Amino acid sequence: PRPPVGDPSHHYHFQVLALDILLQLPLGANRDDVLAAAK
């Protein structure tokens, strides 16, 4: 977390998914890459 100083509390959502496969993704894949492969 690194919210601006003085901001109201930010909420950090730690989310875990269980999958029935191992994902084949490139180095540096981002959240959207992961979700597309996990669909």
PDB file of all heavy atoms in Angstrom:
ATOM      1  N   PRO A   1       0.825  -1.213   0.000  1.00  0.00           N
ATOM      2  CA  PRO A   1       0.000   0.000   0.000  1.00  0.00           C
ATOM      3  C   PRO A   1       0.860   1.265   0.000  1.00  0.00           C
ATOM      4  O   PRO A   1       1.862   1.356   0.718  1.00  0.00           O
ATOM      5  CB  PRO A   1      -0.798  -0.119   1.297  1.00  0.00           C
ATOM      6  CG  PRO A   1      -0.867  -1.593   1.556  1.00  0.00           C
ATOM      7  CD  PRO A   1       0.450  -2.138   1.082  1.00  0.00           C
ATOM      8  N   ARG A   2       0.446   2.227  -0.822  1.00  0.00           N
ATOM      9  CA  ARG A   2       1.126   3.519  -0.849  1.00  0.00           C
ATOM     10  C   ARG A   2       0.121   4.610  -1.223  1.00  0.00           C
ATOM     11  O   ARG A   2       0.303   5.329  -2.199  1.00  0.00           O
ATOM     12  CB  ARG A   2       2.295   3.509  -1.832  1.00  0.00           C
ATOM     13  CG  ARG A   2       3.296   4.643  -1.606  1.00  0.00           C
ATOM     14  CD  ARG A   2       4.446   4.568  -2.596  1.00  0.00           C
ATOM     15  NE  ARG A   2       5.495   5.537  -2.308  1.00  0.00           N
ATOM     16  CZ  ARG A   2       5.478   6.823  -2.686  1.00  0.00           C
ATOM     17  NH1 ARG A   2       4.450   7.277  -3.372  1.00  0.00           N
ATOM     18  NH2 ARG A   2       6.473   7.638  -2.383  1.00  0.00           N
ATOM     19  N   PRO A   3      -0.948   4.750  -0.437  1.00  0.00           N
ATOM     20  CA  PRO A   3      -1.919   5.795  -0.743  1.00  0.00           C
ATOM     21  C   PRO A   3      -1.329   7.165  -0.458  1.00  0.00           C
ATOM     22  O   PRO A   3      -0.383   7.294   0.332  1.00  0.00           O
ATOM     23  CB  PRO A   3      -3.068   5.481   0.220  1.00  0.00           C
ATOM     24  CG  PRO A   3      -2.395   4.836   1.387  1.00  0.00           C
ATOM     25  CD  PRO A   3      -1.281   4.027   0.805  1.00  0.00           C
ATOM     26  N   PRO A   4      -1.831   8.209  -1.100  1.00  0.00           N
ATOM     27  CA  PRO A   4      -1.337   9.558  -0.797  1.00  0.00           C
ATOM     28  C   PRO A   4      -1.485   9.872   0.691  1.00  0.00           C
ATOM     29  O   PRO A   4      -2.462   9.469   1.339  1.00  0.00           O
ATOM     30  CB  PRO A   4      -2.228  10.461  -1.647  1.00  0.00           C
ATOM     31  CG  PRO A   4      -2.700   9.592  -2.762  1.00  0.00           C
ATOM     32  CD  PRO A   4      -2.851   8.227  -2.165  1.00  0.00           C
ATOM     33  N   VAL A   5      -0.499  10.593   1.205  1.00  0.00           N
ATOM     34  CA  VAL A   5      -0.550  10.990   2.616  1.00  0.00           C
ATOM     35  C   VAL A   5      -1.816  11.794   2.872  1.00  0.00           C
ATOM     36  O   VAL A   5      -2.151  12.722   2.135  1.00  0.00           O
ATOM     37  CB  VAL A   5       0.695  11.810   2.985  1.00  0.00           C
ATOM     38  CG1 VAL A   5       0.578  12.364   4.410  1.00  0.00           C
ATOM     39  CG2 VAL A   5       1.952  10.974   2.837  1.00  0.00           C
ATOM     40  N   GLY A   6      -2.556  11.417   3.931  1.00  0.00           N
ATOM     41  CA  GLY A   6      -3.771  12.131   4.305  1.00  0.00           C
ATOM     42  C   GLY A   6      -5.036  11.599   3.678  1.00  0.00           C
ATOM     43  O   GLY A   6      -6.137  12.012   4.063  1.00  0.00           O
ATOM     44  N   ASP A   7      -4.932  10.706   2.703  1.00  0.00           N
ATOM     45  CA  ASP A   7      -6.122  10.099   2.109  1.00  0.00           C
ATOM     46  C   ASP A   7      -6.892   9.309   3.158  1.00  0.00           C
ATOM     47  O   ASP A   7      -6.296   8.752   4.092  1.00  0.00           O
ATOM     48  CB  ASP A   7      -5.716   9.144   0.983  1.00  0.00           C
ATOM     49  CG  ASP A   7      -5.967   9.726  -0.394  1.00  0.00           C
ATOM     50  OD1 ASP A   7      -6.040  10.968  -0.499  1.00  0.00           O
ATOM     51  OD2 ASP A   7      -6.067   8.955  -1.367  1.00  0.00           O
ATOM     52  N   PRO A   8      -8.218   9.220   3.026  1.00  0.00           N
ATOM     53  CA  PRO A   8      -8.953   8.260   3.853  1.00  0.00           C
ATOM     54  C   PRO A   8      -8.434   6.848   3.608  1.00  0.00           C
ATOM     55  O   PRO A   8      -7.757   6.586   2.597  1.00  0.00           O
ATOM     56  CB  PRO A   8     -10.400   8.415   3.374  1.00  0.00           C
ATOM     57  CG  PRO A   8     -10.454   9.747   2.714  1.00  0.00           C
ATOM     58  CD  PRO A   8      -9.098   9.980   2.125  1.00  0.00           C
ATOM     59  N   SER A   9      -8.759   5.937   4.492  1.00  0.00           N
ATOM     60  CA  SER A   9      -8.274   4.570   4.376  1.00  0.00           C
ATOM     61  C   SER A   9      -8.625   3.971   3.017  1.00  0.00           C
ATOM     62  O   SER A   9      -9.756   4.087   2.540  1.00  0.00           O
ATOM     63  CB  SER A   9      -8.872   3.696   5.481  1.00  0.00           C
ATOM     64  OG  SER A   9      -8.365   4.076   6.741  1.00  0.00           O
ATOM     65  N   HIS A  10      -7.611   3.369   2.386  1.00  0.00           N
ATOM     66  CA  HIS A  10      -7.834   2.602   1.166  1.00  0.00           C
ATOM     67  C   HIS A  10      -8.079   1.143   1.544  1.00  0.00           C
ATOM     68  O   HIS A  10      -7.584   0.661   2.569  1.00  0.00           O
ATOM     69  CB  HIS A  10      -6.625   2.694   0.245  1.00  0.00           C
ATOM     70  CG  HIS A  10      -6.504   4.005  -0.468  1.00  0.00           C
ATOM     71  ND1 HIS A  10      -6.023   4.114  -1.756  1.00  0.00           N
ATOM     72  CD2 HIS A  10      -6.800   5.274  -0.081  1.00  0.00           C
ATOM     73  CE1 HIS A  10      -6.020   5.378  -2.135  1.00  0.00           C
ATOM     74  NE2 HIS A  10      -6.489   6.106  -1.119  1.00  0.00           N
ATOM     75  N   HIS A  11      -8.830   0.441   0.711  1.00  0.00           N
ATOM     76  CA  HIS A  11      -9.158  -0.958   0.951  1.00  0.00           C
ATOM     77  C   HIS A  11      -8.378  -1.832  -0.021  1.00  0.00           C
ATOM     78  O   HIS A  11      -8.409  -1.596  -1.236  1.00  0.00           O
ATOM     79  CB  HIS A  11     -10.658  -1.187   0.793  1.00  0.00           C
ATOM     80  CG  HIS A  11     -11.473  -0.434   1.793  1.00  0.00           C
ATOM     81  ND1 HIS A  11     -11.716   0.937   1.682  1.00  0.00           N
ATOM     82  CD2 HIS A  11     -12.080  -0.838   2.929  1.00  0.00           C
ATOM     83  CE1 HIS A  11     -12.444   1.335   2.707  1.00  0.00           C
ATOM     84  NE2 HIS A  11     -12.678   0.285   3.490  1.00  0.00           N
ATOM     85  N   TYR A  12      -7.699  -2.838   0.515  1.00  0.00           N
ATOM     86  CA  TYR A  12      -6.851  -3.718  -0.280  1.00  0.00           C
ATOM     87  C   TYR A  12      -7.465  -5.118  -0.293  1.00  0.00           C
ATOM     88  O   TYR A  12      -7.553  -5.776   0.750  1.00  0.00           O
ATOM     89  CB  TYR A  12      -5.421  -3.706   0.270  1.00  0.00           C
ATOM     90  CG  TYR A  12      -4.828  -2.321   0.150  1.00  0.00           C
ATOM     91  CD1 TYR A  12      -5.049  -1.360   1.148  1.00  0.00           C
ATOM     92  CD2 TYR A  12      -4.134  -1.934  -0.985  1.00  0.00           C
ATOM     93  CE1 TYR A  12      -4.571  -0.068   1.012  1.00  0.00           C
ATOM     94  CE2 TYR A  12      -3.639  -0.645  -1.126  1.00  0.00           C
ATOM     95  CZ  TYR A  12      -3.873   0.284  -0.125  1.00  0.00           C
ATOM     96  OH  TYR A  12      -3.402   1.566  -0.270  1.00  0.00           O
ATOM     97  N   HIS A  13      -7.898  -5.533  -1.463  1.00  0.00           N
ATOM     98  CA  HIS A  13      -8.606  -6.796  -1.635  1.00  0.00           C
ATOM     99  C   HIS A  13      -7.616  -7.885  -2.043  1.00  0.00           C
ATOM    100  O   HIS A  13      -7.130  -7.912  -3.185  1.00  0.00           O
ATOM    101  CB  HIS A  13      -9.701  -6.649  -2.689  1.00  0.00           C
ATOM    102  CG  HIS A  13     -10.810  -5.738  -2.274  1.00  0.00           C
ATOM    103  ND1 HIS A  13     -12.098  -6.165  -2.032  1.00  0.00           N
ATOM    104  CD2 HIS A  13     -10.822  -4.396  -2.039  1.00  0.00           C
ATOM    105  CE1 HIS A  13     -12.852  -5.136  -1.678  1.00  0.00           C
ATOM    106  NE2 HIS A  13     -12.089  -4.047  -1.675  1.00  0.00           N
ATOM    107  N   PHE A  14      -7.302  -8.782  -1.105  1.00  0.00           N
ATOM    108  CA  PHE A  14      -6.481  -9.960  -1.378  1.00  0.00           C
ATOM    109  C   PHE A  14      -7.434 -11.050  -1.868  1.00  0.00           C
ATOM    110  O   PHE A  14      -8.300 -11.520  -1.114  1.00  0.00           O
ATOM    111  CB  PHE A  14      -5.746 -10.414  -0.119  1.00  0.00           C
ATOM    112  CG  PHE A  14      -4.652  -9.472   0.329  1.00  0.00           C
ATOM    113  CD1 PHE A  14      -4.961  -8.238   0.897  1.00  0.00           C
ATOM    114  CD2 PHE A  14      -3.320  -9.820   0.194  1.00  0.00           C
ATOM    115  CE1 PHE A  14      -3.956  -7.373   1.316  1.00  0.00           C
ATOM    116  CE2 PHE A  14      -2.312  -8.953   0.605  1.00  0.00           C
ATOM    117  CZ  PHE A  14      -2.625  -7.726   1.165  1.00  0.00           C
ATOM    118  N   GLN A  15      -7.289 -11.466  -3.115  1.00  0.00           N
ATOM    119  CA  GLN A  15      -8.232 -12.385  -3.740  1.00  0.00           C
ATOM    120  C   GLN A  15      -7.508 -13.637  -4.209  1.00  0.00           C
ATOM    121  O   GLN A  15      -6.456 -13.545  -4.870  1.00  0.00           O
ATOM    122  CB  GLN A  15      -8.907 -11.713  -4.938  1.00  0.00           C
ATOM    123  CG  GLN A  15      -9.633 -10.422  -4.561  1.00  0.00           C
ATOM    124  CD  GLN A  15      -9.775  -9.464  -5.740  1.00  0.00           C
ATOM    125  OE1 GLN A  15     -10.799  -9.439  -6.402  1.00  0.00           O
ATOM    126  NE2 GLN A  15      -8.742  -8.694  -6.006  1.00  0.00           N
ATOM    127  N   VAL A  16      -8.035 -14.789  -3.857  1.00  0.00           N
ATOM    128  CA  VAL A  16      -7.427 -16.051  -4.246  1.00  0.00           C
ATOM    129  C   VAL A  16      -8.406 -16.837  -5.112  1.00  0.00           C
ATOM    130  O   VAL A  16      -9.618 -16.848  -4.864  1.00  0.00           O
ATOM    131  CB  VAL A  16      -6.993 -16.872  -3.009  1.00  0.00           C
ATOM    132  CG1 VAL A  16      -8.174 -17.275  -2.151  1.00  0.00           C
ATOM    133  CG2 VAL A  16      -6.185 -18.087  -3.423  1.00  0.00           C
ATOM    134  N   LEU A  17      -7.887 -17.471  -6.162  1.00  0.00           N
ATOM    135  CA  LEU A  17      -8.676 -18.308  -7.059  1.00  0.00           C
ATOM    136  C   LEU A  17      -8.055 -19.702  -7.088  1.00  0.00           C
ATOM    137  O   LEU A  17      -6.830 -19.848  -7.157  1.00  0.00           O
ATOM    138  CB  LEU A  17      -8.669 -17.756  -8.488  1.00  0.00           C
ATOM    139  CG  LEU A  17      -9.040 -16.289  -8.702  1.00  0.00           C
ATOM    140  CD1 LEU A  17      -8.840 -15.915 -10.176  1.00  0.00           C
ATOM    141  CD2 LEU A  17     -10.487 -16.039  -8.290  1.00  0.00           C
ATOM    142  N   ALA A  18      -8.893 -20.730  -7.045  1.00  0.00           N
ATOM    143  CA  ALA A  18      -8.449 -22.104  -7.245  1.00  0.00           C
ATOM    144  C   ALA A  18      -8.756 -22.492  -8.679  1.00  0.00           C
ATOM    145  O   ALA A  18      -9.888 -22.317  -9.152  1.00  0.00           O
ATOM    146  CB  ALA A  18      -9.160 -23.045  -6.279  1.00  0.00           C
ATOM    147  N   LEU A  19      -7.763 -23.006  -9.403  1.00  0.00           N
ATOM    148  CA  LEU A  19      -7.922 -23.356 -10.809  1.00  0.00           C
ATOM    149  C   LEU A  19      -7.711 -24.850 -11.018  1.00  0.00           C
ATOM    150  O   LEU A  19      -6.965 -25.501 -10.266  1.00  0.00           O
ATOM    151  CB  LEU A  19      -6.919 -22.595 -11.679  1.00  0.00           C
ATOM    152  CG  LEU A  19      -6.868 -21.072 -11.561  1.00  0.00           C
ATOM    153  CD1 LEU A  19      -5.882 -20.514 -12.587  1.00  0.00           C
ATOM    154  CD2 LEU A  19      -8.243 -20.449 -11.750  1.00  0.00           C
ATOM    155  N   ASP A  20      -8.313 -25.374 -12.090  1.00  0.00           N
ATOM    156  CA  ASP A  20      -8.131 -26.789 -12.428  1.00  0.00           C
ATOM    157  C   ASP A  20      -7.014 -26.997 -13.445  1.00  0.00           C
ATOM    158  O   ASP A  20      -6.860 -28.090 -13.999  1.00  0.00           O
ATOM    159  CB  ASP A  20      -9.439 -27.395 -12.942  1.00  0.00           C
ATOM    160  CG  ASP A  20      -9.926 -26.748 -14.235  1.00  0.00           C
ATOM    161  OD1 ASP A  20      -9.212 -25.877 -14.774  1.00  0.00           O
ATOM    162  OD2 ASP A  20     -11.024 -27.118 -14.696  1.00  0.00           O
ATOM    163  N   ILE A  21      -6.212 -25.946 -13.707  1.00  0.00           N
ATOM    164  CA  ILE A  21      -5.102 -26.034 -14.648  1.00  0.00           C
ATOM    165  C   ILE A  21      -3.914 -25.229 -14.128  1.00  0.00           C
ATOM    166  O   ILE A  21      -4.037 -24.435 -13.191  1.00  0.00           O
ATOM    167  CB  ILE A  21      -5.477 -25.485 -16.051  1.00  0.00           C
ATOM    168  CG1 ILE A  21      -5.882 -23.997 -15.960  1.00  0.00           C
ATOM    169  CG2 ILE A  21      -6.554 -26.321 -16.705  1.00  0.00           C
ATOM    170  CD1 ILE A  21      -5.967 -23.321 -17.306  1.00  0.00           C
ATOM    171  N   LEU A  22      -2.759 -25.452 -14.784  1.00  0.00           N
ATOM    172  CA  LEU A  22      -1.616 -24.559 -14.663  1.00  0.00           C
ATOM    173  C   LEU A  22      -1.661 -23.604 -15.847  1.00  0.00           C
ATOM    174  O   LEU A  22      -1.940 -24.015 -16.980  1.00  0.00           O
ATOM    175  CB  LEU A  22      -0.300 -25.352 -14.688  1.00  0.00           C
ATOM    176  CG  LEU A  22       0.003 -26.194 -13.445  1.00  0.00           C
ATOM    177  CD1 LEU A  22       1.177 -27.126 -13.731  1.00  0.00           C
ATOM    178  CD2 LEU A  22       0.325 -25.304 -12.254  1.00  0.00           C
ATOM    179  N   LEU A  23      -1.434 -22.333 -15.610  1.00  0.00           N
ATOM    180  CA  LEU A  23      -1.542 -21.330 -16.662  1.00  0.00           C
ATOM    181  C   LEU A  23      -0.245 -21.228 -17.454  1.00  0.00           C
ATOM    182  O   LEU A  23       0.851 -21.260 -16.887  1.00  0.00           O
ATOM    183  CB  LEU A  23      -1.883 -19.967 -16.065  1.00  0.00           C
ATOM    184  CG  LEU A  23      -3.190 -19.884 -15.272  1.00  0.00           C
ATOM    185  CD1 LEU A  23      -3.412 -18.460 -14.769  1.00  0.00           C
ATOM    186  CD2 LEU A  23      -4.377 -20.337 -16.121  1.00  0.00           C
ATOM    187  N   GLN A  24      -0.391 -21.105 -18.769  1.00  0.00           N
ATOM    188  CA  GLN A  24       0.755 -20.900 -19.653  1.00  0.00           C
ATOM    189  C   GLN A  24       0.758 -19.434 -20.079  1.00  0.00           C
ATOM    190  O   GLN A  24       0.036 -19.038 -20.988  1.00  0.00           O
ATOM    191  CB  GLN A  24       0.659 -21.827 -20.865  1.00  0.00           C
ATOM    192  CG  GLN A  24       0.578 -23.301 -20.525  1.00  0.00           C
ATOM    193  CD  GLN A  24       1.817 -23.786 -19.779  1.00  0.00           C
ATOM    194  OE1 GLN A  24       2.947 -23.423 -20.134  1.00  0.00           O
ATOM    195  NE2 GLN A  24       1.605 -24.591 -18.742  1.00  0.00           N
ATOM    196  N   LEU A  25       1.552 -18.647 -19.401  1.00  0.00           N
ATOM    197  CA  LEU A  25       1.572 -17.207 -19.628  1.00  0.00           C
ATOM    198  C   LEU A  25       3.001 -16.712 -19.798  1.00  0.00           C
ATOM    199  O   LEU A  25       3.937 -17.317 -19.257  1.00  0.00           O
ATOM    200  CB  LEU A  25       0.914 -16.471 -18.447  1.00  0.00           C
ATOM    201  CG  LEU A  25      -0.594 -16.662 -18.285  1.00  0.00           C
ATOM    202  CD1 LEU A  25      -1.051 -16.129 -16.943  1.00  0.00           C
ATOM    203  CD2 LEU A  25      -1.333 -15.959 -19.412  1.00  0.00           C
ATOM    204  N   PRO A  26       3.185 -15.602 -20.506  1.00  0.00           N
ATOM    205  CA  PRO A  26       4.538 -15.059 -20.678  1.00  0.00           C
ATOM    206  C   PRO A  26       5.044 -14.408 -19.406  1.00  0.00           C
ATOM    207  O   PRO A  26       4.273 -14.067 -18.494  1.00  0.00           O
ATOM    208  CB  PRO A  26       4.353 -14.018 -21.788  1.00  0.00           C
ATOM    209  CG  PRO A  26       2.930 -13.578 -21.652  1.00  0.00           C
ATOM    210  CD  PRO A  26       2.171 -14.821 -21.245  1.00  0.00           C
ATOM    211  N   LEU A  27       6.356 -14.225 -19.340  1.00  0.00           N
ATOM    212  CA  LEU A  27       6.946 -13.458 -18.253  1.00  0.00           C
ATOM    213  C   LEU A  27       6.330 -12.063 -18.254  1.00  0.00           C
ATOM    214  O   LEU A  27       6.093 -11.466 -19.301  1.00  0.00           O
ATOM    215  CB  LEU A  27       8.458 -13.343 -18.429  1.00  0.00           C
ATOM    216  CG  LEU A  27       9.254 -14.652 -18.434  1.00  0.00           C
ATOM    217  CD1 LEU A  27      10.716 -14.368 -18.773  1.00  0.00           C
ATOM    218  CD2 LEU A  27       9.141 -15.351 -17.093  1.00  0.00           C
ATOM    219  N   GLY A  28       6.061 -11.543 -17.054  1.00  0.00           N
ATOM    220  CA  GLY A  28       5.522 -10.197 -16.950  1.00  0.00           C
ATOM    221  C   GLY A  28       4.040 -10.083 -17.245  1.00  0.00           C
ATOM    222  O   GLY A  28       3.529  -8.977 -17.430  1.00  0.00           O
ATOM    223  N   ALA A  29       3.323 -11.208 -17.296  1.00  0.00           N
ATOM    224  CA  ALA A  29       1.877 -11.153 -17.532  1.00  0.00           C
ATOM    225  C   ALA A  29       1.207 -10.296 -16.460  1.00  0.00           C
ATOM    226  O   ALA A  29       1.653 -10.236 -15.311  1.00  0.00           O
ATOM    227  CB  ALA A  29       1.295 -12.560 -17.533  1.00  0.00           C
ATOM    228  N   ASN A  30       0.112  -9.632 -16.831  1.00  0.00           N
ATOM    229  CA  ASN A  30      -0.580  -8.777 -15.876  1.00  0.00           C
ATOM    230  C   ASN A  30      -1.898  -9.413 -15.421  1.00  0.00           C
ATOM    231  O   ASN A  30      -2.231 -10.536 -15.827  1.00  0.00           O
ATOM    232  CB  ASN A  30      -0.817  -7.384 -16.476  1.00  0.00           C
ATOM    233  CG  ASN A  30      -1.641  -7.429 -17.755  1.00  0.00           C
ATOM    234  OD1 ASN A  30      -2.529  -8.275 -17.926  1.00  0.00           O
ATOM    235  ND2 ASN A  30      -1.367  -6.506 -18.677  1.00  0.00           N
ATOM    236  N   ARG A  31      -2.617  -8.712 -14.596  1.00  0.00           N
ATOM    237  CA  ARG A  31      -3.879  -9.226 -14.055  1.00  0.00           C
ATOM    238  C   ARG A  31      -4.837  -9.667 -15.143  1.00  0.00           C
ATOM    239  O   ARG A  31      -5.433 -10.750 -15.072  1.00  0.00           O
ATOM    240  CB  ARG A  31      -4.544  -8.141 -13.192  1.00  0.00           C
ATOM    241  CG  ARG A  31      -5.957  -8.482 -12.704  1.00  0.00           C
ATOM    242  CD  ARG A  31      -6.742  -7.221 -12.409  1.00  0.00           C
ATOM    243  NE  ARG A  31      -6.790  -6.351 -13.572  1.00  0.00           N
ATOM    244  CZ  ARG A  31      -7.075  -5.045 -13.522  1.00  0.00           C
ATOM    245  NH1 ARG A  31      -7.325  -4.479 -12.366  1.00  0.00           N
ATOM    246  NH2 ARG A  31      -7.092  -4.319 -14.626  1.00  0.00           N
ATOM    247  N   ASP A  32      -4.996  -8.834 -16.178  1.00  0.00           N
ATOM    248  CA  ASP A  32      -5.957  -9.165 -17.227  1.00  0.00           C
ATOM    249  C   ASP A  32      -5.516 -10.388 -18.018  1.00  0.00           C
ATOM    250  O   ASP A  32      -6.356 -11.185 -18.464  1.00  0.00           O
ATOM    251  CB  ASP A  32      -6.153  -7.964 -18.152  1.00  0.00           C
ATOM    252  CG  ASP A  32      -6.866  -6.815 -17.446  1.00  0.00           C
ATOM    253  OD1 ASP A  32      -7.418  -7.046 -16.352  1.00  0.00           O
ATOM    254  OD2 ASP A  32      -6.851  -5.692 -17.976  1.00  0.00           O
ATOM    255  N   ASP A  33      -4.210 -10.569 -18.230  1.00  0.00           N
ATOM    256  CA  ASP A  33      -3.713 -11.782 -18.877  1.00  0.00           C
ATOM    257  C   ASP A  33      -4.074 -13.013 -18.057  1.00  0.00           C
ATOM    258  O   ASP A  33      -4.505 -14.043 -18.598  1.00  0.00           O
ATOM    259  CB  ASP A  33      -2.192 -11.717 -19.036  1.00  0.00           C
ATOM    260  CG  ASP A  33      -1.728 -10.585 -19.936  1.00  0.00           C
ATOM    261  OD1 ASP A  33      -2.445 -10.245 -20.890  1.00  0.00           O
ATOM    262  OD2 ASP A  33      -0.647 -10.029 -19.660  1.00  0.00           O
ATOM    263  N   VAL A  34      -3.876 -12.914 -16.739  1.00  0.00           N
ATOM    264  CA  VAL A  34      -4.159 -14.037 -15.850  1.00  0.00           C
ATOM    265  C   VAL A  34      -5.649 -14.371 -15.863  1.00  0.00           C
ATOM    266  O   VAL A  34      -6.039 -15.547 -15.978  1.00  0.00           O
ATOM    267  CB  VAL A  34      -3.677 -13.728 -14.420  1.00  0.00           C
ATOM    268  CG1 VAL A  34      -4.165 -14.791 -13.442  1.00  0.00           C
ATOM    269  CG2 VAL A  34      -2.158 -13.627 -14.380  1.00  0.00           C
ATOM    270  N   LEU A  35      -6.491 -13.360 -15.764  1.00  0.00           N
ATOM    271  CA  LEU A  35      -7.937 -13.612 -15.721  1.00  0.00           C
ATOM    272  C   LEU A  35      -8.444 -14.197 -17.033  1.00  0.00           C
ATOM    273  O   LEU A  35      -9.310 -15.071 -17.042  1.00  0.00           O
ATOM    274  CB  LEU A  35      -8.676 -12.323 -15.383  1.00  0.00           C
ATOM    275  CG  LEU A  35      -8.441 -11.774 -13.966  1.00  0.00           C
ATOM    276  CD1 LEU A  35      -9.265 -10.511 -13.739  1.00  0.00           C
ATOM    277  CD2 LEU A  35      -8.770 -12.818 -12.904  1.00  0.00           C
ATOM    278  N   ALA A  36      -7.908 -13.718 -18.154  1.00  0.00           N
ATOM    279  CA  ALA A  36      -8.328 -14.268 -19.440  1.00  0.00           C
ATOM    280  C   ALA A  36      -7.960 -15.742 -19.549  1.00  0.00           C
ATOM    281  O   ALA A  36      -8.750 -16.554 -20.057  1.00  0.00           O
ATOM    282  CB  ALA A  36      -7.685 -13.471 -20.577  1.00  0.00           C
ATOM    283  N   ALA A  37      -6.768 -16.095 -19.063  1.00  0.00           N
ATOM    284  CA  ALA A  37      -6.346 -17.496 -19.123  1.00  0.00           C
ATOM    285  C   ALA A  37      -7.095 -18.369 -18.124  1.00  0.00           C
ATOM    286  O   ALA A  37      -7.282 -19.571 -18.354  1.00  0.00           O
ATOM    287  CB  ALA A  37      -4.838 -17.585 -18.873  1.00  0.00           C
ATOM    288  N   ALA A  38      -7.531 -17.777 -17.012  1.00  0.00           N
ATOM    289  CA  ALA A  38      -8.223 -18.536 -15.962  1.00  0.00           C
ATOM    290  C   ALA A  38      -9.699 -18.751 -16.261  1.00  0.00           C
ATOM    291  O   ALA A  38     -10.347 -19.613 -15.637  1.00  0.00           O
ATOM    292  CB  ALA A  38      -8.068 -17.810 -14.627  1.00  0.00           C
ATOM    293  N   LYS A  39     -10.244 -17.998 -17.191  1.00  0.00           N
ATOM    294  CA  LYS A  39     -11.684 -18.075 -17.489  1.00  0.00           C
ATOM    295  C   LYS A  39     -12.103 -19.504 -17.819  1.00  0.00           C
ATOM    296  O   LYS A  39     -11.495 -20.168 -18.656  1.00  0.00           O
ATOM    297  CB  LYS A  39     -12.032 -17.156 -18.648  1.00  0.00           C
ATOM    298  CG  LYS A  39     -13.523 -17.075 -18.946  1.00  0.00           C
ATOM    299  CD  LYS A  39     -13.804 -16.082 -20.063  1.00  0.00           C
ATOM    300  CE  LYS A  39     -15.306 -15.995 -20.345  1.00  0.00           C
ATOM    301  NZ  LYS A  39     -15.593 -15.017 -21.432  1.00  0.00           N
TER     302      LYS A  39
END
